[in-house]
Amino acid sequence: MFEMLALSFLIMVGFTLVIEGFDVHVPKGYIYFAMAFSVAVEMLNIRLRKRQQAKKIKLNKSIS
């Protein structure tokens, strides 16, 4: 879960550093917004997964 999010952050920061190396300015607000948005989406996904797992029907063991 969070590994993919962390990897995407590292790639985004690395890409930004490369772009800045070519003397192209990237506003930091865009980077921070993208990170905050992806964290918010991941938190929503975690909450939805927990709700779906809670709705699953738990069956009792069969007695034979």
Protein backbone atom coordinates (compact mmCIF):
# COMPACT_ATOMS: atom_id res chain seq x y z
CA MET A 1 0.00 0.00 0.00
CA PHE A 2 2.27 2.72 1.27
CA GLU A 3 5.30 1.33 -0.54
CA MET A 4 3.85 2.27 -3.93
CA LEU A 5 2.90 5.71 -2.61
CA ALA A 6 6.42 6.28 -1.26
CA LEU A 7 7.95 5.10 -4.53
CA SER A 8 5.78 7.49 -6.52
CA PHE A 9 6.83 10.37 -4.23
CA LEU A 10 10.49 9.53 -4.76
CA ILE A 11 10.03 9.36 -8.53
CA MET A 12 8.18 12.68 -8.54
CA VAL A 13 10.86 14.40 -6.46
CA GLY A 14 13.61 12.91 -8.63
CA PHE A 15 11.86 13.99 -11.82
CA THR A 16 11.44 17.48 -10.39
CA LEU A 17 15.14 17.66 -9.56
CA VAL A 18 16.05 16.61 -13.09
CA ILE A 19 13.72 19.23 -14.56
CA GLU A 20 15.16 21.88 -12.22
CA GLY A 21 18.64 20.81 -13.41
CA PHE A 22 17.64 21.88 -16.92
CA ASP A 23 16.84 25.31 -15.47
CA VAL A 24 13.06 24.95 -15.77
CA HIS A 25 11.22 26.21 -12.71
CA VAL A 26 8.45 23.96 -11.35
CA PRO A 27 6.23 25.63 -8.73
CA LYS A 28 6.46 23.67 -5.49
CA GLY A 29 2.75 24.14 -4.87
CA TYR A 30 2.02 21.73 -7.73
CA ILE A 31 4.27 19.10 -6.18
CA TYR A 32 2.78 19.50 -2.70
CA PHE A 33 -0.77 19.41 -4.05
CA ALA A 34 -0.08 16.22 -6.00
CA MET A 35 1.38 14.58 -2.89
CA ALA A 36 -1.50 15.66 -0.65
CA PHE A 37 -4.06 14.51 -3.21
CA SER A 38 -2.47 11.08 -3.58
CA VAL A 39 -2.30 10.64 0.21
CA ALA A 40 -5.99 11.59 0.49
CA VAL A 41 -6.95 9.08 -2.21
CA GLU A 42 -4.92 6.36 -0.50
CA MET A 43 -6.63 7.05 2.84
CA LEU A 44 -10.03 6.77 1.16
CA ASN A 45 -8.98 3.46 -0.41
CA ILE A 46 -7.89 2.12 2.97
CA ARG A 47 -11.21 3.12 4.57
CA LEU A 48 -13.20 1.51 1.75
CA ARG A 49 -11.21 -1.73 1.99
CA LYS A 50 -11.86 -1.90 5.73
CA ARG A 51 -15.59 -1.39 5.20
CA GLN A 52 -15.73 -4.08 2.51
CA GLN A 53 -13.94 -6.54 4.77
CA ALA A 54 -16.35 -5.78 7.60
CA LYS A 55 -19.35 -6.49 5.34
CA LYS A 56 -18.15 -9.96 4.39
CA ILE A 57 -20.27 -12.74 5.83
CA LYS A 58 -18.43 -14.85 8.34
CA LEU A 59 -19.48 -18.48 8.16
CA ASN A 60 -19.35 -20.80 11.12
CA LYS A 61 -17.34 -24.00 10.90
CA SER A 62 -19.44 -26.90 9.73
CA ILE A 63 -20.08 -29.62 12.28
CA SER A 64 -19.64 -33.11 10.90
